[in-house]
């Protein structure tokens, strides 16, 4: 898998994670059905937020690591040309 396709996949996973976080917030704050469910509804919205956090946070860290590494490689190539 090339870096471009890996980065695209990680961005998709991060976007899905952010969407799950927003869904959990929406369910917890604005959905009457979840409110009527009581504790089960709270658990459902909390699971959405937790899964979103799990999907988005490590992905951001890995993408940052990839971008920093790419920048270092470009700097080394630039300095070797001088």
PDB file of N, CA and C in Angstrom:
ATOM      1  N   UNK A   1       0.850  -1.178   0.000  1.00  0.00           N
ATOM      2  CA  UNK A   1       0.000   0.000   0.000  1.00  0.00           C
ATOM      3  C   UNK A   1       0.889   1.232   0.000  1.00  0.00           C
ATOM      4  N   UNK A   2       0.637   2.125  -0.913  1.00  0.00           N
ATOM      5  CA  UNK A   2       1.454   3.336  -1.007  1.00  0.00           C
ATOM      6  C   UNK A   2       1.075   4.323   0.094  1.00  0.00           C
ATOM      7  N   UNK A   3       1.954   5.307   0.276  1.00  0.00           N
ATOM      8  CA  UNK A   3       1.696   6.319   1.310  1.00  0.00           C
ATOM      9  C   UNK A   3       0.419   7.099   1.019  1.00  0.00           C
ATOM     10  N   UNK A   4       0.178   7.412  -0.260  1.00  0.00           N
ATOM     11  CA  UNK A   4      -1.017   8.190  -0.617  1.00  0.00           C
ATOM     12  C   UNK A   4      -2.291   7.427  -0.279  1.00  0.00           C
ATOM     13  N   UNK A   5      -2.332   6.141  -0.603  1.00  0.00           N
ATOM     14  CA  UNK A   5      -3.548   5.369  -0.311  1.00  0.00           C
ATOM     15  C   UNK A   5      -3.692   5.148   1.193  1.00  0.00           C
ATOM     16  N   UNK A   6      -2.577   4.991   1.904  1.00  0.00           N
ATOM     17  CA  UNK A   6      -2.635   4.843   3.357  1.00  0.00           C
ATOM     18  C   UNK A   6      -3.142   6.127   4.004  1.00  0.00           C
ATOM     19  N   UNK A   7      -2.655   7.259   3.541  1.00  0.00           N
ATOM     20  CA  UNK A   7      -3.107   8.538   4.080  1.00  0.00           C
ATOM     21  C   UNK A   7      -4.588   8.741   3.792  1.00  0.00           C
ATOM     22  N   UNK A   8      -5.026   8.385   2.593  1.00  0.00           N
ATOM     23  CA  UNK A   8      -6.446   8.507   2.249  1.00  0.00           C
ATOM     24  C   UNK A   8      -7.298   7.620   3.171  1.00  0.00           C
ATOM     25  N   UNK A   9      -6.849   6.386   3.404  1.00  0.00           N
ATOM     26  CA  UNK A   9      -7.579   5.481   4.283  1.00  0.00           C
ATOM     27  C   UNK A   9      -7.645   6.033   5.704  1.00  0.00           C
ATOM     28  N   UNK A  10      -6.542   6.559   6.195  1.00  0.00           N
ATOM     29  CA  UNK A  10      -6.516   7.115   7.546  1.00  0.00           C
ATOM     30  C   UNK A  10      -7.406   8.348   7.664  1.00  0.00           C
ATOM     31  N   UNK A  11      -7.449   9.158   6.620  1.00  0.00           N
ATOM     32  CA  UNK A  11      -8.342  10.322   6.642  1.00  0.00           C
ATOM     33  C   UNK A  11      -9.801   9.882   6.667  1.00  0.00           C
ATOM     34  N   UNK A  12     -10.119   8.818   5.949  1.00  0.00           N
ATOM     35  CA  UNK A  12     -11.492   8.293   5.964  1.00  0.00           C
ATOM     36  C   UNK A  12     -11.843   7.773   7.347  1.00  0.00           C
ATOM     37  N   UNK A  13     -10.923   7.016   7.964  1.00  0.00           N
ATOM     38  CA  UNK A  13     -11.171   6.485   9.309  1.00  0.00           C
ATOM     39  C   UNK A  13     -11.338   7.628  10.299  1.00  0.00           C
ATOM     40  N   UNK A  14     -10.513   8.661  10.180  1.00  0.00           N
ATOM     41  CA  UNK A  14     -10.615   9.812  11.072  1.00  0.00           C
ATOM     42  C   UNK A  14     -11.945  10.531  10.874  1.00  0.00           C
ATOM     43  N   UNK A  15     -12.380  10.672   9.626  1.00  0.00           N
ATOM     44  CA  UNK A  15     -13.663  11.330   9.348  1.00  0.00           C
ATOM     45  C   UNK A  15     -14.831  10.540   9.908  1.00  0.00           C
ATOM     46  N   UNK A  16     -14.783   9.222   9.758  1.00  0.00           N
ATOM     47  CA  UNK A  16     -15.841   8.380  10.321  1.00  0.00           C
ATOM     48  C   UNK A  16     -15.848   8.493  11.841  1.00  0.00           C
ATOM     49  N   UNK A  17     -14.670   8.547  12.443  1.00  0.00           N
ATOM     50  CA  UNK A  17     -14.588   8.707  13.895  1.00  0.00           C
ATOM     51  C   UNK A  17     -15.192  10.020  14.361  1.00  0.00           C
ATOM     52  N   UNK A  18     -14.899  11.090  13.650  1.00  0.00           N
ATOM     53  CA  UNK A  18     -15.473  12.398  14.010  1.00  0.00           C
ATOM     54  C   UNK A  18     -16.985  12.373  13.832  1.00  0.00           C
ATOM     55  N   UNK A  19     -17.463  11.719  12.775  1.00  0.00           N
ATOM     56  CA  UNK A  19     -18.911  11.599  12.565  1.00  0.00           C
ATOM     57  C   UNK A  19     -19.567  10.806  13.689  1.00  0.00           C
ATOM     58  N   UNK A  20     -18.897   9.751  14.163  1.00  0.00           N
ATOM     59  CA  UNK A  20     -19.444   8.984  15.284  1.00  0.00           C
ATOM     60  C   UNK A  20     -19.504   9.825  16.560  1.00  0.00           C
ATOM     61  N   UNK A  21     -18.487  10.643  16.783  1.00  0.00           N
ATOM     62  CA  UNK A  21     -18.511  11.528  17.949  1.00  0.00           C
ATOM     63  C   UNK A  21     -19.690  12.486  17.849  1.00  0.00           C
ATOM     64  N   UNK A  22     -19.864  13.093  16.679  1.00  0.00           N
ATOM     65  CA  UNK A  22     -20.988  14.022  16.494  1.00  0.00           C
ATOM     66  C   UNK A  22     -22.329  13.317  16.620  1.00  0.00           C
ATOM     67  N   UNK A  23     -22.412  12.086  16.107  1.00  0.00           N
ATOM     68  CA  UNK A  23     -23.647  11.305  16.255  1.00  0.00           C
ATOM     69  C   UNK A  23     -23.951  11.035  17.722  1.00  0.00           C
ATOM     70  N   UNK A  24     -22.931  10.657  18.485  1.00  0.00           N
ATOM     71  CA  UNK A  24     -23.135  10.411  19.914  1.00  0.00           C
ATOM     72  C   UNK A  24     -23.595  11.654  20.647  1.00  0.00           C
ATOM     73  N   UNK A  25     -23.029  12.802  20.303  1.00  0.00           N
ATOM     74  CA  UNK A  25     -23.450  14.065  20.933  1.00  0.00           C
ATOM     75  C   UNK A  25     -24.886  14.385  20.549  1.00  0.00           C
ATOM     76  N   UNK A  26     -25.200  14.200  19.269  1.00  0.00           N
ATOM     77  CA  UNK A  26     -26.575  14.448  18.823  1.00  0.00           C
ATOM     78  C   UNK A  26     -27.549  13.534  19.556  1.00  0.00           C
ATOM     79  N   UNK A  27     -27.242  12.255  19.617  1.00  0.00           N
ATOM     80  CA  UNK A  27     -28.135  11.310  20.281  1.00  0.00           C
ATOM     81  C   UNK A  27     -28.329  11.670  21.750  1.00  0.00           C
ATOM     82  N   UNK A  28     -27.251  12.054  22.398  1.00  0.00           N
ATOM     83  CA  UNK A  28     -27.335  12.354  23.828  1.00  0.00           C
ATOM     84  C   UNK A  28     -28.107  13.643  24.106  1.00  0.00           C
ATOM     85  N   UNK A  29     -27.921  14.649  23.269  1.00  0.00           N
ATOM     86  CA  UNK A  29     -28.510  15.956  23.557  1.00  0.00           C
ATOM     87  C   UNK A  29     -29.857  16.221  22.908  1.00  0.00           C
ATOM     88  N   UNK A  30     -30.103  15.671  21.724  1.00  0.00           N
ATOM     89  CA  UNK A  30     -31.255  16.116  20.955  1.00  0.00           C
ATOM     90  C   UNK A  30     -32.250  15.033  20.556  1.00  0.00           C
ATOM     91  N   UNK A  31     -31.981  13.769  20.796  1.00  0.00           N
ATOM     92  CA  UNK A  31     -32.850  12.700  20.339  1.00  0.00           C
ATOM     93  C   UNK A  31     -33.764  12.245  21.470  1.00  0.00           C
ATOM     94  N   UNK A  32     -35.060  12.397  21.268  1.00  0.00           N
ATOM     95  CA  UNK A  32     -36.029  12.046  22.310  1.00  0.00           C
ATOM     96  C   UNK A  32     -36.117  10.530  22.519  1.00  0.00           C
ATOM     97  N   UNK A  33     -35.899   9.754  21.472  1.00  0.00           N
ATOM     98  CA  UNK A  33     -35.972   8.294  21.600  1.00  0.00           C
ATOM     99  C   UNK A  33     -34.877   7.781  22.518  1.00  0.00           C
ATOM    100  N   UNK A  34     -33.684   8.291  22.349  1.00  0.00           N
ATOM    101  CA  UNK A  34     -32.560   7.880  23.201  1.00  0.00           C
ATOM    102  C   UNK A  34     -32.819   8.315  24.637  1.00  0.00           C
ATOM    103  N   UNK A  35     -33.391   9.499  24.795  1.00  0.00           N
ATOM    104  CA  UNK A  35     -33.717   9.979  26.146  1.00  0.00           C
ATOM    105  C   UNK A  35     -34.753   9.085  26.805  1.00  0.00           C
ATOM    106  N   UNK A  36     -35.738   8.638  26.027  1.00  0.00           N
ATOM    107  CA  UNK A  36     -36.781   7.767  26.574  1.00  0.00           C
ATOM    108  C   UNK A  36     -36.247   6.388  26.939  1.00  0.00           C
ATOM    109  N   UNK A  37     -35.150   5.985  26.342  1.00  0.00           N
ATOM    110  CA  UNK A  37     -34.572   4.669  26.625  1.00  0.00           C
ATOM    111  C   UNK A  37     -33.875   4.615  27.978  1.00  0.00           C
ATOM    112  N   UNK A  38     -33.579   5.760  28.553  1.00  0.00           N
ATOM    113  CA  UNK A  38     -32.942   5.800  29.869  1.00  0.00           C
ATOM    114  C   UNK A  38     -31.467   5.442  29.793  1.00  0.00           C
ATOM    115  N   UNK A  39     -31.069   4.531  30.671  1.00  0.00           N
ATOM    116  CA  UNK A  39     -29.662   4.145  30.773  1.00  0.00           C
ATOM    117  C   UNK A  39     -29.170   3.512  29.473  1.00  0.00           C
ATOM    118  N   UNK A  40     -29.998   2.713  28.837  1.00  0.00           N
ATOM    119  CA  UNK A  40     -29.615   2.085  27.572  1.00  0.00           C
ATOM    120  C   UNK A  40     -29.310   3.146  26.517  1.00  0.00           C
ATOM    121  N   UNK A  41     -30.101   4.193  26.473  1.00  0.00           N
ATOM    122  CA  UNK A  41     -29.859   5.285  25.535  1.00  0.00           C
ATOM    123  C   UNK A  41     -28.545   5.999  25.815  1.00  0.00           C
ATOM    124  N   UNK A  42     -28.256   6.194  27.099  1.00  0.00           N
ATOM    125  CA  UNK A  42     -26.993   6.827  27.470  1.00  0.00           C
ATOM    126  C   UNK A  42     -25.825   5.952  27.039  1.00  0.00           C
ATOM    127  N   UNK A  43     -25.966   4.654  27.223  1.00  0.00           N
ATOM    128  CA  UNK A  43     -24.904   3.726  26.820  1.00  0.00           C
ATOM    129  C   UNK A  43     -24.709   3.768  25.306  1.00  0.00           C
ATOM    130  N   UNK A  44     -25.790   3.815  24.546  1.00  0.00           N
ATOM    131  CA  UNK A  44     -25.687   3.865  23.082  1.00  0.00           C
ATOM    132  C   UNK A  44     -24.949   5.120  22.639  1.00  0.00           C
ATOM    133  N   UNK A  45     -25.329   6.267  23.208  1.00  0.00           N
ATOM    134  CA  UNK A  45     -24.650   7.509  22.804  1.00  0.00           C
ATOM    135  C   UNK A  45     -23.199   7.511  23.271  1.00  0.00           C
ATOM    136  N   UNK A  46     -22.928   6.945  24.440  1.00  0.00           N
ATOM    137  CA  UNK A  46     -21.549   6.892  24.936  1.00  0.00           C
ATOM    138  C   UNK A  46     -20.684   5.968  24.080  1.00  0.00           C
ATOM    139  N   UNK A  47     -21.264   4.868  23.604  1.00  0.00           N
ATOM    140  CA  UNK A  47     -20.514   3.956  22.734  1.00  0.00           C
ATOM    141  C   UNK A  47     -20.166   4.644  21.418  1.00  0.00           C
ATOM    142  N   UNK A  48     -21.088   5.428  20.879  1.00  0.00           N
ATOM    143  CA  UNK A  48     -20.802   6.172  19.649  1.00  0.00           C
ATOM    144  C   UNK A  48     -19.629   7.123  19.853  1.00  0.00           C
ATOM    145  N   UNK A  49     -19.643   7.859  20.945  1.00  0.00           N
ATOM    146  CA  UNK A  49     -18.558   8.805  21.228  1.00  0.00           C
ATOM    147  C   UNK A  49     -17.249   8.051  21.459  1.00  0.00           C
ATOM    148  N   UNK A  50     -17.295   6.954  22.216  1.00  0.00           N
ATOM    149  CA  UNK A  50     -16.076   6.196  22.515  1.00  0.00           C
ATOM    150  C   UNK A  50     -15.470   5.600  21.246  1.00  0.00           C
ATOM    151  N   UNK A  51     -16.289   5.009  20.396  1.00  0.00           N
ATOM    152  CA  UNK A  51     -15.772   4.456  19.148  1.00  0.00           C
ATOM    153  C   UNK A  51     -15.201   5.552  18.251  1.00  0.00           C
ATOM    154  N   UNK A  52     -15.869   6.699  18.239  1.00  0.00           N
ATOM    155  CA  UNK A  52     -15.356   7.824  17.462  1.00  0.00           C
ATOM    156  C   UNK A  52     -14.001   8.283  17.960  1.00  0.00           C
ATOM    157  N   UNK A  53     -13.825   8.333  19.274  1.00  0.00           N
ATOM    158  CA  UNK A  53     -12.529   8.715  19.846  1.00  0.00           C
ATOM    159  C   UNK A  53     -11.459   7.690  19.491  1.00  0.00           C
ATOM    160  N   UNK A  54     -11.801   6.417  19.598  1.00  0.00           N
ATOM    161  CA  UNK A  54     -10.847   5.355  19.289  1.00  0.00           C
ATOM    162  C   UNK A  54     -10.429   5.424  17.829  1.00  0.00           C
ATOM    163  N   UNK A  55     -11.363   5.754  16.949  1.00  0.00           N
ATOM    164  CA  UNK A  55     -11.054   5.807  15.523  1.00  0.00           C
ATOM    165  C   UNK A  55     -10.306   7.077  15.128  1.00  0.00           C
ATOM    166  N   UNK A  56     -10.578   8.181  15.794  1.00  0.00           N
ATOM    167  CA  UNK A  56     -10.003   9.442  15.327  1.00  0.00           C
ATOM    168  C   UNK A  56      -8.664   9.792  15.967  1.00  0.00           C
ATOM    169  N   UNK A  57      -8.468   9.522  17.232  1.00  0.00           N
ATOM    170  CA  UNK A  57      -7.252   9.990  17.904  1.00  0.00           C
ATOM    171  C   UNK A  57      -5.978   9.310  17.413  1.00  0.00           C
ATOM    172  N   UNK A  58      -5.878   7.987  17.399  1.00  0.00           N
ATOM    173  CA  UNK A  58      -4.627   7.381  16.911  1.00  0.00           C
ATOM    174  C   UNK A  58      -4.361   7.710  15.445  1.00  0.00           C
ATOM    175  N   UNK A  59      -5.416   7.862  14.678  1.00  0.00           N
ATOM    176  CA  UNK A  59      -5.258   8.188  13.265  1.00  0.00           C
ATOM    177  C   UNK A  59      -4.595   9.552  13.107  1.00  0.00           C
ATOM    178  N   UNK A  60      -5.014  10.525  13.893  1.00  0.00           N
ATOM    179  CA  UNK A  60      -4.414  11.861  13.839  1.00  0.00           C
ATOM    180  C   UNK A  60      -2.930  11.799  14.200  1.00  0.00           C
ATOM    181  N   UNK A  61      -2.608  11.025  15.220  1.00  0.00           N
ATOM    182  CA  UNK A  61      -1.219  10.910  15.641  1.00  0.00           C
ATOM    183  C   UNK A  61      -0.371  10.269  14.536  1.00  0.00           C
ATOM    184  N   UNK A  62      -0.882   9.229  13.901  1.00  0.00           N
ATOM    185  CA  UNK A  62      -0.138   8.547  12.851  1.00  0.00           C
ATOM    186  C   UNK A  62       0.028   9.447  11.626  1.00  0.00           C
ATOM    187  N   UNK A  63      -1.047  10.159  11.252  1.00  0.00           N
ATOM    188  CA  UNK A  63      -0.940  11.084  10.123  1.00  0.00           C
ATOM    189  C   UNK A  63       0.089  12.179  10.401  1.00  0.00           C
ATOM    190  N   UNK A  64       0.106  12.702  11.613  1.00  0.00           N
ATOM    191  CA  UNK A  64       1.085  13.715  11.983  1.00  0.00           C
ATOM    192  C   UNK A  64       2.493  13.148  11.875  1.00  0.00           C
ATOM    193  N   UNK A  65       2.690  11.920  12.345  1.00  0.00           N
ATOM    194  CA  UNK A  65       3.990  11.273  12.254  1.00  0.00           C
ATOM    195  C   UNK A  65       4.420  11.113  10.793  1.00  0.00           C
ATOM    196  N   UNK A  66       3.499  10.682   9.927  1.00  0.00           N
ATOM    197  CA  UNK A  66       3.819  10.519   8.508  1.00  0.00           C
ATOM    198  C   UNK A  66       4.200  11.844   7.863  1.00  0.00           C
ATOM    199  N   UNK A  67       3.447  12.887   8.168  1.00  0.00           N
ATOM    200  CA  UNK A  67       3.718  14.194   7.564  1.00  0.00           C
ATOM    201  C   UNK A  67       5.041  14.778   8.047  1.00  0.00           C
ATOM    202  N   UNK A  68       5.367  14.603   9.320  1.00  0.00           N
ATOM    203  CA  UNK A  68       6.644  15.089   9.849  1.00  0.00           C
ATOM    204  C   UNK A  68       7.794  14.326   9.206  1.00  0.00           C
ATOM    205  N   UNK A  69       7.631  13.021   9.071  1.00  0.00           N
ATOM    206  CA  UNK A  69       8.678  12.200   8.448  1.00  0.00           C
ATOM    207  C   UNK A  69       8.886  12.606   6.984  1.00  0.00           C
ATOM    208  N   UNK A  70       7.785  12.849   6.286  1.00  0.00           N
ATOM    209  CA  UNK A  70       7.882  13.281   4.886  1.00  0.00           C
ATOM    210  C   UNK A  70       8.599  14.632   4.780  1.00  0.00           C
ATOM    211  N   UNK A  71       8.298  15.550   5.701  1.00  0.00           N
ATOM    212  CA  UNK A  71       8.947  16.862   5.696  1.00  0.00           C
ATOM    213  C   UNK A  71      10.445  16.730   5.958  1.00  0.00           C
ATOM    214  N   UNK A  72      10.838  15.841   6.889  1.00  0.00           N
ATOM    215  CA  UNK A  72      12.256  15.635   7.171  1.00  0.00           C
ATOM    216  C   UNK A  72      12.986  15.075   5.950  1.00  0.00           C
ATOM    217  N   UNK A  73      12.352  14.150   5.253  1.00  0.00           N
ATOM    218  CA  UNK A  73      12.956  13.578   4.052  1.00  0.00           C
ATOM    219  C   UNK A  73      13.139  14.651   2.984  1.00  0.00           C
ATOM    220  N   UNK A  74      12.136  15.514   2.818  1.00  0.00           N
ATOM    221  CA  UNK A  74      12.246  16.589   1.835  1.00  0.00           C
ATOM    222  C   UNK A  74      13.352  17.573   2.206  1.00  0.00           C
ATOM    223  N   UNK A  75      13.508  17.869   3.496  1.00  0.00           N
ATOM    224  CA  UNK A  75      14.577  18.766   3.938  1.00  0.00           C
ATOM    225  C   UNK A  75      15.941  18.149   3.670  1.00  0.00           C
ATOM    226  N   UNK A  76      16.084  16.842   3.936  1.00  0.00           N
ATOM    227  CA  UNK A  76      17.355  16.162   3.675  1.00  0.00           C
ATOM    228  C   UNK A  76      17.687  16.191   2.193  1.00  0.00           C
ATOM    229  N   UNK A  77      16.687  15.959   1.347  1.00  0.00           N
ATOM    230  CA  UNK A  77      16.914  15.990  -0.092  1.00  0.00           C
ATOM    231  C   UNK A  77      17.285  17.402  -0.556  1.00  0.00           C
ATOM    232  N   UNK A  78      16.659  18.394   0.036  1.00  0.00           N
ATOM    233  CA  UNK A  78      16.955  19.778  -0.327  1.00  0.00           C
ATOM    234  C   UNK A  78      18.387  20.150   0.086  1.00  0.00           C
ATOM    235  N   UNK A  79      18.796  19.707   1.291  1.00  0.00           N
ATOM    236  CA  UNK A  79      20.142  20.020   1.764  1.00  0.00           C
ATOM    237  C   UNK A  79      21.207  19.251   0.985  1.00  0.00           C
ATOM    238  N   UNK A  80      20.881  18.084   0.513  1.00  0.00           N
ATOM    239  CA  UNK A  80      21.858  17.311  -0.266  1.00  0.00           C
ATOM    240  C   UNK A  80      22.074  17.915  -1.654  1.00  0.00           C
ATOM    241  N   UNK A  81      21.077  18.664  -2.132  1.00  0.00           N
ATOM    242  CA  UNK A  81      21.225  19.316  -3.440  1.00  0.00           C
ATOM    243  C   UNK A  81      22.091  20.558  -3.364  1.00  0.00           C
ATOM    244  N   UNK A  82      22.173  21.171  -2.176  1.00  0.00           N
ATOM    245  CA  UNK A  82      22.947  22.420  -2.022  1.00  0.00           C
ATOM    246  C   UNK A  82      24.416  22.197  -2.019  1.00  0.00           C
TER     247      UNK A  82
END
